[in-house]
Amino acid sequence: MRERKKRRTRAALLRTALESFITKGYEETTVDEIASAAGVARRTFFRHYRSKEEAIFPDHDETLVRAQAVLEAAPPHENPLDT
């Protein structure tokens, strides 16, 4: 139950952030506005995301780690763009 609620809250924050970024713009949107529109406290936003940027790209860090592993596993003669 707790995990389901966490997933729903995280999804609501993401949806609310994206809607606000589209209508107001990234720079004009505040974390307080996102949290309020999602019906949670500012603190709750930061329990799920470290920043507004992470709300847009929530798996950015993991993607970089995966990309690095793929590049490191590639044959040395292979062009990184081809990898």
PDB file of N, CA and C in Angstrom:
ATOM      1  N   MET A   1       0.827  -1.196   0.000  1.00  0.00           N
ATOM      2  CA  MET A   1       0.000   0.000   0.000  1.00  0.00           C
ATOM      3  C   MET A   1       0.874   1.265   0.000  1.00  0.00           C
ATOM      4  N   ARG A   2       1.878   1.267   0.850  1.00  0.00           N
ATOM      5  CA  ARG A   2       2.759   2.424   0.959  1.00  0.00           C
ATOM      6  C   ARG A   2       3.502   2.681  -0.357  1.00  0.00           C
ATOM      7  N   GLU A   3       4.013   1.611  -0.961  1.00  0.00           N
ATOM      8  CA  GLU A   3       4.725   1.762  -2.234  1.00  0.00           C
ATOM      9  C   GLU A   3       3.796   2.274  -3.332  1.00  0.00           C
ATOM     10  N   ARG A   4       2.571   1.810  -3.335  1.00  0.00           N
ATOM     11  CA  ARG A   4       1.604   2.266  -4.343  1.00  0.00           C
ATOM     12  C   ARG A   4       1.341   3.763  -4.169  1.00  0.00           C
ATOM     13  N   LYS A   5       1.202   4.202  -2.918  1.00  0.00           N
ATOM     14  CA  LYS A   5       0.969   5.621  -2.661  1.00  0.00           C
ATOM     15  C   LYS A   5       2.184   6.443  -3.096  1.00  0.00           C
ATOM     16  N   LYS A   6       3.379   5.950  -2.834  1.00  0.00           N
ATOM     17  CA  LYS A   6       4.593   6.659  -3.250  1.00  0.00           C
ATOM     18  C   LYS A   6       4.645   6.782  -4.769  1.00  0.00           C
ATOM     19  N   ARG A   7       4.303   5.702  -5.472  1.00  0.00           N
ATOM     20  CA  ARG A   7       4.302   5.749  -6.938  1.00  0.00           C
ATOM     21  C   ARG A   7       3.266   6.741  -7.459  1.00  0.00           C
ATOM     22  N   ARG A   8       2.082   6.747  -6.835  1.00  0.00           N
ATOM     23  CA  ARG A   8       1.033   7.683  -7.262  1.00  0.00           C
ATOM     24  C   ARG A   8       1.462   9.127  -7.009  1.00  0.00           C
ATOM     25  N   THR A   9       2.059   9.384  -5.860  1.00  0.00           N
ATOM     26  CA  THR A   9       2.522  10.741  -5.544  1.00  0.00           C
ATOM     27  C   THR A   9       3.603  11.176  -6.514  1.00  0.00           C
ATOM     28  N   ARG A  10       4.542  10.301  -6.778  1.00  0.00           N
ATOM     29  CA  ARG A  10       5.632  10.621  -7.711  1.00  0.00           C
ATOM     30  C   ARG A  10       5.072  10.905  -9.106  1.00  0.00           C
ATOM     31  N   ALA A  11       4.122  10.093  -9.542  1.00  0.00           N
ATOM     32  CA  ALA A  11       3.511  10.291 -10.855  1.00  0.00           C
ATOM     33  C   ALA A  11       2.730  11.603 -10.897  1.00  0.00           C
ATOM     34  N   ALA A  12       2.029  11.926  -9.815  1.00  0.00           N
ATOM     35  CA  ALA A  12       1.268  13.186  -9.766  1.00  0.00           C
ATOM     36  C   ALA A  12       2.218  14.374  -9.822  1.00  0.00           C
ATOM     37  N   LEU A  13       3.323  14.296  -9.129  1.00  0.00           N
ATOM     38  CA  LEU A  13       4.311  15.379  -9.165  1.00  0.00           C
ATOM     39  C   LEU A  13       4.886  15.539 -10.564  1.00  0.00           C
ATOM     40  N   LEU A  14       5.222  14.437 -11.192  1.00  0.00           N
ATOM     41  CA  LEU A  14       5.764  14.488 -12.552  1.00  0.00           C
ATOM     42  C   LEU A  14       4.753  15.078 -13.517  1.00  0.00           C
ATOM     43  N   ARG A  15       3.528  14.593 -13.467  1.00  0.00           N
ATOM     44  CA  ARG A  15       2.475  15.093 -14.367  1.00  0.00           C
ATOM     45  C   ARG A  15       2.242  16.588 -14.147  1.00  0.00           C
ATOM     46  N   THR A  16       2.158  16.990 -12.888  1.00  0.00           N
ATOM     47  CA  THR A  16       1.926  18.389 -12.556  1.00  0.00           C
ATOM     48  C   THR A  16       3.090  19.257 -13.016  1.00  0.00           C
ATOM     49  N   ALA A  17       4.313  18.785 -12.800  1.00  0.00           N
ATOM     50  CA  ALA A  17       5.493  19.543 -13.221  1.00  0.00           C
ATOM     51  C   ALA A  17       5.494  19.727 -14.738  1.00  0.00           C
ATOM     52  N   LEU A  18       5.268  18.655 -15.463  1.00  0.00           N
ATOM     53  CA  LEU A  18       5.286  18.749 -16.923  1.00  0.00           C
ATOM     54  C   LEU A  18       4.198  19.682 -17.441  1.00  0.00           C
ATOM     55  N   GLU A  19       3.004  19.595 -16.862  1.00  0.00           N
ATOM     56  CA  GLU A  19       1.916  20.491 -17.276  1.00  0.00           C
ATOM     57  C   GLU A  19       2.292  21.948 -17.027  1.00  0.00           C
ATOM     58  N   SER A  20       2.884  22.211 -15.887  1.00  0.00           N
ATOM     59  CA  SER A  20       3.275  23.578 -15.560  1.00  0.00           C
ATOM     60  C   SER A  20       4.411  24.065 -16.460  1.00  0.00           C
ATOM     61  N   PHE A  21       5.374  23.197 -16.737  1.00  0.00           N
ATOM     62  CA  PHE A  21       6.477  23.578 -17.617  1.00  0.00           C
ATOM     63  C   PHE A  21       5.950  23.922 -19.003  1.00  0.00           C
ATOM     64  N   ILE A  22       4.966  23.179 -19.469  1.00  0.00           N
ATOM     65  CA  ILE A  22       4.391  23.430 -20.792  1.00  0.00           C
ATOM     66  C   ILE A  22       3.618  24.742 -20.809  1.00  0.00           C
ATOM     67  N   THR A  23       2.827  24.991 -19.765  1.00  0.00           N
ATOM     68  CA  THR A  23       1.985  26.186 -19.774  1.00  0.00           C
ATOM     69  C   THR A  23       2.719  27.449 -19.338  1.00  0.00           C
ATOM     70  N   LYS A  24       3.589  27.342 -18.339  1.00  0.00           N
ATOM     71  CA  LYS A  24       4.270  28.522 -17.801  1.00  0.00           C
ATOM     72  C   LYS A  24       5.716  28.643 -18.222  1.00  0.00           C
ATOM     73  N   GLY A  25       6.324  27.509 -18.566  1.00  0.00           N
ATOM     74  CA  GLY A  25       7.750  27.489 -18.853  1.00  0.00           C
ATOM     75  C   GLY A  25       8.527  26.986 -17.654  1.00  0.00           C
ATOM     76  N   TYR A  26       9.654  26.393 -17.929  1.00  0.00           N
ATOM     77  CA  TYR A  26      10.485  25.802 -16.879  1.00  0.00           C
ATOM     78  C   TYR A  26      10.940  26.841 -15.859  1.00  0.00           C
ATOM     79  N   GLU A  27      11.495  27.925 -16.347  1.00  0.00           N
ATOM     80  CA  GLU A  27      12.050  28.948 -15.454  1.00  0.00           C
ATOM     81  C   GLU A  27      10.989  29.597 -14.572  1.00  0.00           C
ATOM     82  N   GLU A  28       9.786  29.735 -15.092  1.00  0.00           N
ATOM     83  CA  GLU A  28       8.715  30.411 -14.354  1.00  0.00           C
ATOM     84  C   GLU A  28       7.998  29.499 -13.356  1.00  0.00           C
ATOM     85  N   THR A  29       8.242  28.212 -13.435  1.00  0.00           N
ATOM     86  CA  THR A  29       7.589  27.253 -12.551  1.00  0.00           C
ATOM     87  C   THR A  29       8.440  27.046 -11.307  1.00  0.00           C
ATOM     88  N   THR A  30       7.793  27.086 -10.150  1.00  0.00           N
ATOM     89  CA  THR A  30       8.521  26.856  -8.902  1.00  0.00           C
ATOM     90  C   THR A  30       8.151  25.490  -8.322  1.00  0.00           C
ATOM     91  N   VAL A  31       9.036  24.976  -7.497  1.00  0.00           N
ATOM     92  CA  VAL A  31       8.770  23.718  -6.807  1.00  0.00           C
ATOM     93  C   VAL A  31       7.533  23.869  -5.926  1.00  0.00           C
ATOM     94  N   ASP A  32       7.390  25.008  -5.270  1.00  0.00           N
ATOM     95  CA  ASP A  32       6.214  25.234  -4.425  1.00  0.00           C
ATOM     96  C   ASP A  32       4.927  25.124  -5.231  1.00  0.00           C
ATOM     97  N   GLU A  33       4.914  25.668  -6.444  1.00  0.00           N
ATOM     98  CA  GLU A  33       3.722  25.581  -7.297  1.00  0.00           C
ATOM     99  C   GLU A  33       3.431  24.141  -7.703  1.00  0.00           C
ATOM    100  N   ILE A  34       4.465  23.405  -8.029  1.00  0.00           N
ATOM    101  CA  ILE A  34       4.288  22.009  -8.420  1.00  0.00           C
ATOM    102  C   ILE A  34       3.710  21.213  -7.259  1.00  0.00           C
ATOM    103  N   ALA A  35       4.316  21.371  -6.099  1.00  0.00           N
ATOM    104  CA  ALA A  35       3.860  20.631  -4.919  1.00  0.00           C
ATOM    105  C   ALA A  35       2.418  20.983  -4.576  1.00  0.00           C
ATOM    106  N   SER A  36       2.119  22.265  -4.567  1.00  0.00           N
ATOM    107  CA  SER A  36       0.763  22.705  -4.232  1.00  0.00           C
ATOM    108  C   SER A  36      -0.266  22.153  -5.212  1.00  0.00           C
ATOM    109  N   ALA A  37       0.028  22.240  -6.496  1.00  0.00           N
ATOM    110  CA  ALA A  37      -0.905  21.747  -7.513  1.00  0.00           C
ATOM    111  C   ALA A  37      -1.091  20.234  -7.425  1.00  0.00           C
ATOM    112  N   ALA A  38      -0.061  19.527  -6.951  1.00  0.00           N
ATOM    113  CA  ALA A  38      -0.157  18.072  -6.801  1.00  0.00           C
ATOM    114  C   ALA A  38      -0.782  17.685  -5.463  1.00  0.00           C
ATOM    115  N   GLY A  39      -1.026  18.684  -4.613  1.00  0.00           N
ATOM    116  CA  GLY A  39      -1.667  18.421  -3.331  1.00  0.00           C
ATOM    117  C   GLY A  39      -0.744  17.877  -2.261  1.00  0.00           C
ATOM    118  N   VAL A  40       0.543  18.230  -2.372  1.00  0.00           N
ATOM    119  CA  VAL A  40       1.512  17.775  -1.373  1.00  0.00           C
ATOM    120  C   VAL A  40       2.352  18.962  -0.897  1.00  0.00           C
ATOM    121  N   ALA A  41       3.128  18.736   0.123  1.00  0.00           N
ATOM    122  CA  ALA A  41       4.013  19.773   0.658  1.00  0.00           C
ATOM    123  C   ALA A  41       5.314  19.829  -0.144  1.00  0.00           C
ATOM    124  N   ARG A  42       5.975  20.955  -0.074  1.00  0.00           N
ATOM    125  CA  ARG A  42       7.274  21.147  -0.738  1.00  0.00           C
ATOM    126  C   ARG A  42       8.251  20.037  -0.333  1.00  0.00           C
ATOM    127  N   ARG A  43       8.233  19.710   0.929  1.00  0.00           N
ATOM    128  CA  ARG A  43       9.127  18.679   1.452  1.00  0.00           C
ATOM    129  C   ARG A  43       8.890  17.334   0.754  1.00  0.00           C
ATOM    130  N   THR A  44       7.631  17.045   0.481  1.00  0.00           N
ATOM    131  CA  THR A  44       7.295  15.798  -0.208  1.00  0.00           C
ATOM    132  C   THR A  44       7.884  15.792  -1.617  1.00  0.00           C
ATOM    133  N   PHE A  45       7.816  16.947  -2.297  1.00  0.00           N
ATOM    134  CA  PHE A  45       8.436  17.029  -3.623  1.00  0.00           C
ATOM    135  C   PHE A  45       9.893  16.591  -3.534  1.00  0.00           C
ATOM    136  N   PHE A  46      10.615  17.115  -2.553  1.00  0.00           N
ATOM    137  CA  PHE A  46      12.043  16.823  -2.433  1.00  0.00           C
ATOM    138  C   PHE A  46      12.323  15.413  -1.918  1.00  0.00           C
ATOM    139  N   ARG A  47      11.333  14.736  -1.404  1.00  0.00           N
ATOM    140  CA  ARG A  47      11.503  13.314  -1.074  1.00  0.00           C
ATOM    141  C   ARG A  47      11.514  12.470  -2.346  1.00  0.00           C
ATOM    142  N   HIS A  48      10.859  12.983  -3.383  1.00  0.00           N
ATOM    143  CA  HIS A  48      10.755  12.231  -4.638  1.00  0.00           C
ATOM    144  C   HIS A  48      11.749  12.706  -5.692  1.00  0.00           C
ATOM    145  N   TYR A  49      12.040  13.984  -5.725  1.00  0.00           N
ATOM    146  CA  TYR A  49      12.939  14.564  -6.732  1.00  0.00           C
ATOM    147  C   TYR A  49      13.901  15.532  -6.058  1.00  0.00           C
ATOM    148  N   ARG A  50      15.144  15.539  -6.525  1.00  0.00           N
ATOM    149  CA  ARG A  50      16.129  16.461  -5.960  1.00  0.00           C
ATOM    150  C   ARG A  50      15.979  17.875  -6.491  1.00  0.00           C
ATOM    151  N   SER A  51      15.341  18.001  -7.665  1.00  0.00           N
ATOM    152  CA  SER A  51      15.232  19.318  -8.301  1.00  0.00           C
ATOM    153  C   SER A  51      14.130  19.283  -9.353  1.00  0.00           C
ATOM    154  N   LYS A  52      13.828  20.460  -9.893  1.00  0.00           N
ATOM    155  CA  LYS A  52      12.871  20.525 -11.006  1.00  0.00           C
ATOM    156  C   LYS A  52      13.412  19.733 -12.196  1.00  0.00           C
ATOM    157  N   GLU A  53      14.700  19.825 -12.434  1.00  0.00           N
ATOM    158  CA  GLU A  53      15.298  19.117 -13.562  1.00  0.00           C
ATOM    159  C   GLU A  53      15.089  17.615 -13.433  1.00  0.00           C
ATOM    160  N   GLU A  54      15.246  17.089 -12.240  1.00  0.00           N
ATOM    161  CA  GLU A  54      15.056  15.654 -12.048  1.00  0.00           C
ATOM    162  C   GLU A  54      13.602  15.246 -12.276  1.00  0.00           C
ATOM    163  N   ALA A  55      12.674  16.157 -12.060  1.00  0.00           N
ATOM    164  CA  ALA A  55      11.269  15.853 -12.327  1.00  0.00           C
ATOM    165  C   ALA A  55      11.045  15.628 -13.825  1.00  0.00           C
ATOM    166  N   ILE A  56      11.830  16.291 -14.653  1.00  0.00           N
ATOM    167  CA  ILE A  56      11.714  16.119 -16.107  1.00  0.00           C
ATOM    168  C   ILE A  56      12.459  14.860 -16.558  1.00  0.00           C
ATOM    169  N   PHE A  57      13.638  14.648 -15.998  1.00  0.00           N
ATOM    170  CA  PHE A  57      14.494  13.519 -16.369  1.00  0.00           C
ATOM    171  C   PHE A  57      14.755  12.662 -15.130  1.00  0.00           C
ATOM    172  N   PRO A  58      13.746  11.948 -14.645  1.00  0.00           N
ATOM    173  CA  PRO A  58      13.887  11.242 -13.367  1.00  0.00           C
ATOM    174  C   PRO A  58      14.925  10.126 -13.373  1.00  0.00           C
ATOM    175  N   ASP A  59      15.250   9.547 -14.502  1.00  0.00           N
ATOM    176  CA  ASP A  59      16.230   8.469 -14.529  1.00  0.00           C
ATOM    177  C   ASP A  59      17.538   8.885 -15.192  1.00  0.00           C
ATOM    178  N   HIS A  60      17.818  10.172 -15.173  1.00  0.00           N
ATOM    179  CA  HIS A  60      19.000  10.715 -15.840  1.00  0.00           C
ATOM    180  C   HIS A  60      20.293  10.072 -15.332  1.00  0.00           C
ATOM    181  N   ASP A  61      20.457   9.987 -14.015  1.00  0.00           N
ATOM    182  CA  ASP A  61      21.697   9.434 -13.449  1.00  0.00           C
ATOM    183  C   ASP A  61      21.892   7.973 -13.847  1.00  0.00           C
ATOM    184  N   GLU A  62      20.822   7.190 -13.786  1.00  0.00           N
ATOM    185  CA  GLU A  62      20.913   5.784 -14.157  1.00  0.00           C
ATOM    186  C   GLU A  62      21.220   5.621 -15.648  1.00  0.00           C
ATOM    187  N   THR A  63      20.644   6.489 -16.459  1.00  0.00           N
ATOM    188  CA  THR A  63      20.897   6.442 -17.896  1.00  0.00           C
ATOM    189  C   THR A  63      22.364   6.725 -18.195  1.00  0.00           C
ATOM    190  N   LEU A  64      22.946   7.678 -17.495  1.00  0.00           N
ATOM    191  CA  LEU A  64      24.369   7.974 -17.691  1.00  0.00           C
ATOM    192  C   LEU A  64      25.238   6.789 -17.303  1.00  0.00           C
ATOM    193  N   VAL A  65      24.897   6.115 -16.222  1.00  0.00           N
ATOM    194  CA  VAL A  65      25.659   4.948 -15.787  1.00  0.00           C
ATOM    195  C   VAL A  65      25.564   3.836 -16.832  1.00  0.00           C
ATOM    196  N   ARG A  66      24.359   3.602 -17.349  1.00  0.00           N
ATOM    197  CA  ARG A  66      24.181   2.571 -18.384  1.00  0.00           C
ATOM    198  C   ARG A  66      24.947   2.928 -19.651  1.00  0.00           C
ATOM    199  N   ALA A  67      24.892   4.198 -20.060  1.00  0.00           N
ATOM    200  CA  ALA A  67      25.604   4.636 -21.263  1.00  0.00           C
ATOM    201  C   ALA A  67      27.108   4.460 -21.096  1.00  0.00           C
ATOM    202  N   GLN A  68      27.615   4.783 -19.935  1.00  0.00           N
ATOM    203  CA  GLN A  68      29.043   4.622 -19.679  1.00  0.00           C
ATOM    204  C   GLN A  68      29.440   3.149 -19.756  1.00  0.00           C
ATOM    205  N   ALA A  69      28.623   2.274 -19.196  1.00  0.00           N
ATOM    206  CA  ALA A  69      28.920   0.840 -19.235  1.00  0.00           C
ATOM    207  C   ALA A  69      28.940   0.323 -20.675  1.00  0.00           C
ATOM    208  N   VAL A  70      27.992   0.776 -21.492  1.00  0.00           N
ATOM    209  CA  VAL A  70      27.947   0.354 -22.903  1.00  0.00           C
ATOM    210  C   VAL A  70      29.191   0.841 -23.632  1.00  0.00           C
ATOM    211  N   LEU A  71      29.563   2.083 -23.409  1.00  0.00           N
ATOM    212  CA  LEU A  71      30.744   2.631 -24.090  1.00  0.00           C
ATOM    213  C   LEU A  71      32.019   1.919 -23.645  1.00  0.00           C
ATOM    214  N   GLU A  72      32.116   1.607 -22.371  1.00  0.00           N
ATOM    215  CA  GLU A  72      33.313   0.932 -21.867  1.00  0.00           C
ATOM    216  C   GLU A  72      33.399  -0.507 -22.372  1.00  0.00           C
ATOM    217  N   ALA A  73      32.267  -1.139 -22.643  1.00  0.00           N
ATOM    218  CA  ALA A  73      32.251  -2.521 -23.121  1.00  0.00           C
ATOM    219  C   ALA A  73      32.464  -2.632 -24.628  1.00  0.00           C
ATOM    220  N   ALA A  74      32.384  -1.538 -25.321  1.00  0.00           N
ATOM    221  CA  ALA A  74      32.530  -1.545 -26.780  1.00  0.00           C
ATOM    222  C   ALA A  74      33.973  -1.839 -27.171  1.00  0.00           C
ATOM    223  N   PRO A  75      34.153  -2.438 -28.343  1.00  0.00           N
ATOM    224  CA  PRO A  75      35.521  -2.672 -28.830  1.00  0.00           C
ATOM    225  C   PRO A  75      36.276  -1.347 -28.956  1.00  0.00           C
ATOM    226  N   PRO A  76      37.555  -1.350 -28.633  1.00  0.00           N
ATOM    227  CA  PRO A  76      38.316  -0.102 -28.636  1.00  0.00           C
ATOM    228  C   PRO A  76      38.372   0.593 -29.998  1.00  0.00           C
ATOM    229  N   HIS A  77      38.279  -0.169 -31.076  1.00  0.00           N
ATOM    230  CA  HIS A  77      38.363   0.428 -32.411  1.00  0.00           C
ATOM    231  C   HIS A  77      37.033   1.015 -32.871  1.00  0.00           C
ATOM    232  N   GLU A  78      35.960   0.716 -32.172  1.00  0.00           N
ATOM    233  CA  GLU A  78      34.640   1.173 -32.581  1.00  0.00           C
ATOM    234  C   GLU A  78      34.415   2.642 -32.234  1.00  0.00           C
ATOM    235  N   ASN A  79      33.869   3.388 -33.176  1.00  0.00           N
ATOM    236  CA  ASN A  79      33.543   4.794 -32.951  1.00  0.00           C
ATOM    237  C   ASN A  79      32.458   4.884 -31.880  1.00  0.00           C
ATOM    238  N   PRO A  80      32.630   5.708 -30.847  1.00  0.00           N
ATOM    239  CA  PRO A  80      31.626   5.818 -29.777  1.00  0.00           C
ATOM    240  C   PRO A  80      30.230   6.193 -30.294  1.00  0.00           C
ATOM    241  N   LEU A  81      30.168   6.959 -31.372  1.00  0.00           N
ATOM    242  CA  LEU A  81      28.852   7.313 -31.924  1.00  0.00           C
ATOM    243  C   LEU A  81      28.167   6.103 -32.542  1.00  0.00           C
ATOM    244  N   ASP A  82      28.941   5.186 -33.077  1.00  0.00           N
ATOM    245  CA  ASP A  82      28.369   3.954 -33.630  1.00  0.00           C
ATOM    246  C   ASP A  82      27.905   3.008 -32.522  1.00  0.00           C
ATOM    247  N   THR A  83      28.588   3.065 -31.396  1.00  0.00           N
ATOM    248  CA  THR A  83      28.236   2.211 -30.261  1.00  0.00           C
ATOM    249  C   THR A  83      26.868   2.565 -29.771  1.00  0.00           C
TER     250      THR A  83
END
